[in-house]
Amino acid sequence: MTRLSVNVNKIATLRNARGGSEPNVIVAAQRIQSFGADGITVHPRPDARHITYDDVRQLRDVVHTEFNIEGYPSDDFVSLVCEVRPEQVTLVPDPPDVLTSNAGWTVTAHRDMLKDVLARFTEAGIRTSLFIETDQVQIEAAAKVGADRIELYTESFATQHAKLGAEAAAPFAEAAQWAHDAGLGVNAGHDLNLANLRDFAEAVPHLDEVSIGHALISDALYLGMSNAVAQYRACLAPRG
């Protein structure tokens, strides 16, 4: 079964809007895991507008499933990841002022930098993943620079799913097969939700993990967190 990692950035956004410690990101991560999530994802940004570096350090003590830290490989980010030692680090090509991730890596244009950073994480015993689009050249380049996995950027799937339904997953199924053939694991994330997740998971082979934040946290406002986690897990469960 594909694993569900819940991104808790939006919980930190709500906390920061008021100040103080509520809602508490650490407690939320503990509860989310107890409700059945397979992992916790965070994406600290340079302006600390949601998850802070201190949050990341505190979360390490309570995430007993899989801890996935996403971010651009700045010197500060690399140092934090090597200090905290999550189970997985996912590198994204975000400039400092971007609102949310909006593109995958052009690996061929950043080959040397990525190779060096990935080697450092691998030496520290941390599984590595590159945020990437459905481009065979870039997927194969990800394997060559030493990534363990890719995370498919699924915004275009979500957009097309509203028009095409399950057919929108076809390019991602092909990309996942390219990744598998190159020896890479396959993750996915961005705009996956209760309306499209089952179609994606059923169509895309070799899917190890999905990372979902905004949609799941939003659904939790209506459904409750335990029910939201359960419904997303149900989308990932094989039929029958």
Protein backbone atom coordinates (compact mmCIF):
# COMPACT_ATOMS: atom_id res chain seq x y z
CA MET A 1 0.00 0.00 0.00
CA THR A 2 1.24 3.49 -0.84
CA ARG A 3 2.29 5.36 2.29
CA LEU A 4 0.66 8.62 3.39
CA SER A 5 2.88 11.39 4.71
CA VAL A 6 1.02 14.40 6.10
CA ASN A 7 2.54 17.85 5.64
CA VAL A 8 1.89 19.92 8.79
CA ASN A 9 3.00 23.30 7.40
CA LYS A 10 -0.57 24.66 7.40
CA ILE A 11 -0.94 23.92 11.11
CA ALA A 12 2.12 26.10 11.72
CA THR A 13 0.67 28.79 9.44
CA LEU A 14 -2.45 28.96 11.62
CA ARG A 15 -0.35 29.09 14.79
CA ASN A 16 1.83 31.88 13.43
CA ALA A 17 -1.18 33.96 12.39
CA ARG A 18 -2.09 34.42 16.07
CA GLY A 19 1.26 33.93 17.77
CA GLY A 20 1.84 31.65 20.71
CA SER A 21 1.79 27.88 20.45
CA GLU A 22 -1.74 26.95 19.36
CA PRO A 23 -2.49 24.95 17.36
CA ASN A 24 0.53 23.01 18.52
CA VAL A 25 2.50 21.47 15.67
CA ILE A 26 4.17 18.89 17.88
CA VAL A 27 0.89 17.65 19.35
CA ALA A 28 -0.67 17.65 15.89
CA ALA A 29 2.11 15.46 14.50
CA GLN A 30 1.69 13.02 17.37
CA ARG A 31 -2.07 12.83 16.83
CA ILE A 32 -1.78 12.50 13.05
CA GLN A 33 0.55 9.53 13.47
CA SER A 34 -1.79 7.95 16.02
CA PHE A 35 -4.62 8.30 13.49
CA GLY A 36 -2.71 6.15 11.01
CA ALA A 37 -0.48 8.41 8.91
CA ASP A 38 2.74 6.75 7.78
CA GLY A 39 4.86 9.87 8.08
CA ILE A 40 5.14 13.58 8.75
CA THR A 41 6.41 16.08 6.18
CA VAL A 42 7.62 19.64 6.80
CA HIS A 43 8.93 22.30 4.45
CA PRO A 44 10.77 25.01 6.40
CA ARG A 45 11.35 28.20 4.40
CA PRO A 46 13.89 30.98 4.92
CA ASP A 47 11.25 33.47 6.15
CA ALA A 48 9.88 30.95 8.73
CA ARG A 49 6.34 31.85 7.71
CA HIS A 50 5.08 28.47 8.84
CA ILE A 51 7.39 25.66 10.00
CA THR A 52 10.49 26.99 11.77
CA TYR A 53 13.87 25.35 12.17
CA ASP A 54 13.09 24.94 15.89
CA ASP A 55 9.87 23.13 14.96
CA VAL A 56 11.90 20.73 12.84
CA ARG A 57 14.24 19.99 15.73
CA GLN A 58 11.36 19.38 18.15
CA LEU A 59 9.47 17.21 15.68
CA ARG A 60 12.43 14.85 15.40
CA ASP A 61 11.74 13.75 18.97
CA VAL A 62 8.12 12.79 18.29
CA VAL A 63 8.02 11.54 14.70
CA HIS A 64 8.32 7.78 15.10
CA THR A 65 7.02 6.89 11.62
CA GLU A 66 8.91 8.60 8.77
CA PHE A 67 10.15 12.17 8.96
CA ASN A 68 10.45 13.88 5.57
CA ILE A 69 12.00 17.35 5.36
CA GLU A 70 11.52 19.29 2.12
CA GLY A 71 13.37 22.38 1.00
CA TYR A 72 15.86 24.16 -1.19
CA PRO A 73 19.43 23.00 -0.46
CA SER A 74 20.82 26.23 0.96
CA ASP A 75 23.73 25.92 3.37
CA ASP A 76 21.42 26.47 6.37
CA PHE A 77 18.95 23.86 5.14
CA VAL A 78 21.65 21.27 4.50
CA SER A 79 23.10 21.85 7.96
CA LEU A 80 19.66 21.48 9.57
CA VAL A 81 18.93 18.22 7.77
CA CYS A 82 22.29 16.75 8.70
CA GLU A 83 21.70 17.77 12.32
CA VAL A 84 18.15 16.38 12.55
CA ARG A 85 18.73 13.30 10.37
CA PRO A 86 15.23 12.60 9.09
CA GLU A 87 14.44 9.36 7.31
CA GLN A 88 14.05 11.30 4.04
CA VAL A 89 14.99 14.67 2.59
CA THR A 90 13.20 15.98 -0.50
CA LEU A 91 14.96 18.73 -2.41
CA VAL A 92 12.81 21.31 -4.20
CA PRO A 93 14.01 24.13 -6.50
CA ASP A 94 12.13 26.89 -4.67
CA PRO A 95 13.41 30.47 -4.70
CA PRO A 96 13.14 32.13 -1.25
CA ASP A 97 10.00 34.18 -1.98
CA VAL A 98 7.84 31.53 -3.67
CA LEU A 99 4.42 30.92 -2.07
CA THR A 100 4.41 27.18 -2.74
CA SER A 101 6.43 24.75 -4.83
CA ASN A 102 5.64 25.39 -8.49
CA ALA A 103 8.22 23.50 -10.57
CA GLY A 104 10.40 20.45 -10.54
CA TRP A 105 14.18 20.36 -10.82
CA THR A 106 15.96 20.76 -14.11
CA VAL A 107 18.53 18.28 -12.90
CA THR A 108 20.75 18.61 -15.94
CA ALA A 109 21.25 22.33 -15.21
CA HIS A 110 22.16 21.73 -11.53
CA ARG A 111 23.98 18.44 -11.88
CA ASP A 112 27.14 19.24 -9.91
CA MET A 113 25.42 21.01 -7.03
CA LEU A 114 22.81 18.28 -6.60
CA LYS A 115 25.37 15.51 -6.83
CA ASP A 116 27.44 17.06 -4.04
CA VAL A 117 24.46 17.72 -1.76
CA LEU A 118 22.92 14.30 -2.33
CA ALA A 119 26.23 12.63 -1.56
CA ARG A 120 26.40 14.48 1.75
CA PHE A 121 22.93 13.31 2.75
CA THR A 122 23.63 9.77 1.63
CA GLU A 123 26.79 9.72 3.75
CA ALA A 124 24.63 10.77 6.71
CA GLY A 125 22.29 7.81 6.09
CA ILE A 126 19.36 9.90 4.88
CA ARG A 127 17.21 8.74 1.94
CA THR A 128 17.08 11.39 -0.77
CA SER A 129 14.35 12.50 -3.19
CA LEU A 130 14.17 15.17 -5.90
CA PHE A 131 10.97 17.07 -6.71
CA ILE A 132 10.56 16.60 -10.44
CA GLU A 133 8.15 16.71 -13.39
CA THR A 134 7.24 14.04 -15.92
CA ASP A 135 10.36 14.53 -18.03
CA GLN A 136 12.26 11.35 -18.86
CA VAL A 137 15.59 13.13 -19.32
CA GLN A 138 15.37 14.78 -15.90
CA ILE A 139 14.16 11.61 -14.19
CA GLU A 140 17.08 9.62 -15.55
CA ALA A 141 19.42 12.47 -14.61
CA ALA A 142 18.09 12.25 -11.05
CA ALA A 143 19.29 8.66 -10.87
CA LYS A 144 22.68 9.62 -12.26
CA VAL A 145 23.31 12.33 -9.64
CA GLY A 146 22.60 9.88 -6.84
CA ALA A 147 18.99 10.40 -5.76
CA ASP A 148 17.20 7.47 -4.15
CA ARG A 149 13.73 8.61 -5.20
CA ILE A 150 11.87 11.27 -7.10
CA GLU A 151 8.73 13.10 -5.98
CA LEU A 152 6.46 13.69 -8.95
CA TYR A 153 5.03 17.22 -8.99
CA THR A 154 1.32 16.57 -9.46
CA GLU A 155 -0.26 20.01 -9.89
CA SER A 156 -0.87 19.43 -13.61
CA PHE A 157 -2.52 16.09 -12.81
CA ALA A 158 -4.90 17.80 -10.38
CA THR A 159 -5.76 20.48 -12.91
CA GLN A 160 -6.38 18.00 -15.72
CA HIS A 161 -8.23 15.55 -13.51
CA ALA A 162 -11.12 17.98 -13.25
CA LYS A 163 -11.53 17.65 -17.03
CA LEU A 164 -10.26 14.17 -17.88
CA GLY A 165 -10.69 12.10 -14.74
CA ALA A 166 -8.33 9.15 -14.38
CA GLU A 167 -6.87 9.72 -17.86
CA ALA A 168 -4.97 12.68 -16.41
CA ALA A 169 -2.67 10.24 -14.61
CA ALA A 170 -1.26 8.73 -17.84
CA PRO A 171 1.89 10.92 -18.04
CA PHE A 172 2.60 10.21 -14.38
CA ALA A 173 2.21 6.48 -14.83
CA GLU A 174 4.75 6.62 -17.64
CA ALA A 175 7.10 8.77 -15.57
CA ALA A 176 6.86 6.39 -12.63
CA GLN A 177 7.83 3.50 -14.87
CA TRP A 178 10.83 5.46 -16.19
CA ALA A 179 11.87 6.12 -12.60
CA HIS A 180 11.47 2.49 -11.59
CA ASP A 181 13.49 1.36 -14.61
CA ALA A 182 16.25 3.79 -13.58
CA GLY A 183 16.34 2.32 -10.07
CA LEU A 184 14.48 5.15 -8.36
CA GLY A 185 11.66 4.99 -5.86
CA VAL A 186 8.56 7.06 -6.61
CA ASN A 187 6.84 9.61 -4.37
CA ALA A 188 4.25 12.19 -5.42
CA GLY A 189 2.68 15.36 -4.13
CA HIS A 190 0.99 18.73 -4.73
CA ASP A 191 -2.75 19.31 -5.01
CA LEU A 192 -3.66 15.68 -4.42
CA ASN A 193 -6.99 15.49 -2.59
CA LEU A 194 -9.97 13.27 -1.84
CA ALA A 195 -11.45 13.90 -5.29
CA ASN A 196 -8.41 12.74 -7.28
CA LEU A 197 -6.12 10.66 -5.07
CA ARG A 198 -7.67 7.25 -5.72
CA ASP A 199 -7.51 7.71 -9.49
CA PHE A 200 -3.86 8.71 -9.21
CA ALA A 201 -2.86 5.88 -6.89
CA GLU A 202 -4.61 3.24 -8.98
CA ALA A 203 -3.06 4.45 -12.25
CA VAL A 204 0.54 5.11 -11.20
CA PRO A 205 2.74 2.03 -10.71
CA HIS A 206 5.52 1.70 -8.13
CA LEU A 207 4.09 4.53 -6.02
CA ASP A 208 5.87 4.41 -2.66
CA GLU A 209 4.50 7.50 -0.95
CA VAL A 210 2.30 10.57 -1.32
CA SER A 211 2.83 13.77 0.65
CA ILE A 212 -0.35 15.77 1.26
CA GLY A 213 -0.75 18.91 3.33
CA HIS A 214 -3.06 21.75 2.31
CA ALA A 215 -5.98 19.60 1.14
CA LEU A 216 -5.86 17.17 4.06
CA ILE A 217 -5.58 19.91 6.71
CA SER A 218 -8.44 21.78 5.01
CA ASP A 219 -10.60 18.65 4.98
CA ALA A 220 -9.81 18.12 8.65
CA LEU A 221 -11.61 21.39 9.44
CA TYR A 222 -14.84 19.78 8.20
CA LEU A 223 -14.25 16.10 8.87
CA GLY A 224 -12.01 16.09 11.92
CA MET A 225 -8.35 15.10 11.70
CA SER A 226 -8.78 11.41 12.47
CA ASN A 227 -11.50 11.05 9.85
CA ALA A 228 -9.52 13.03 7.27
CA VAL A 229 -6.45 10.83 7.70
CA ALA A 230 -8.63 7.72 7.48
CA GLN A 231 -10.31 8.89 4.28
CA TYR A 232 -6.99 9.68 2.59
CA ARG A 233 -5.61 6.30 3.61
CA ALA A 234 -8.73 4.67 2.18
CA CYS A 235 -7.99 6.30 -1.18
CA LEU A 236 -4.62 4.57 -1.18
CA ALA A 237 -5.89 1.13 -0.19
CA PRO A 238 -6.28 -1.43 -3.00
CA ARG A 239 -9.90 -2.11 -3.92
CA GLY A 240 -11.35 -5.33 -2.60
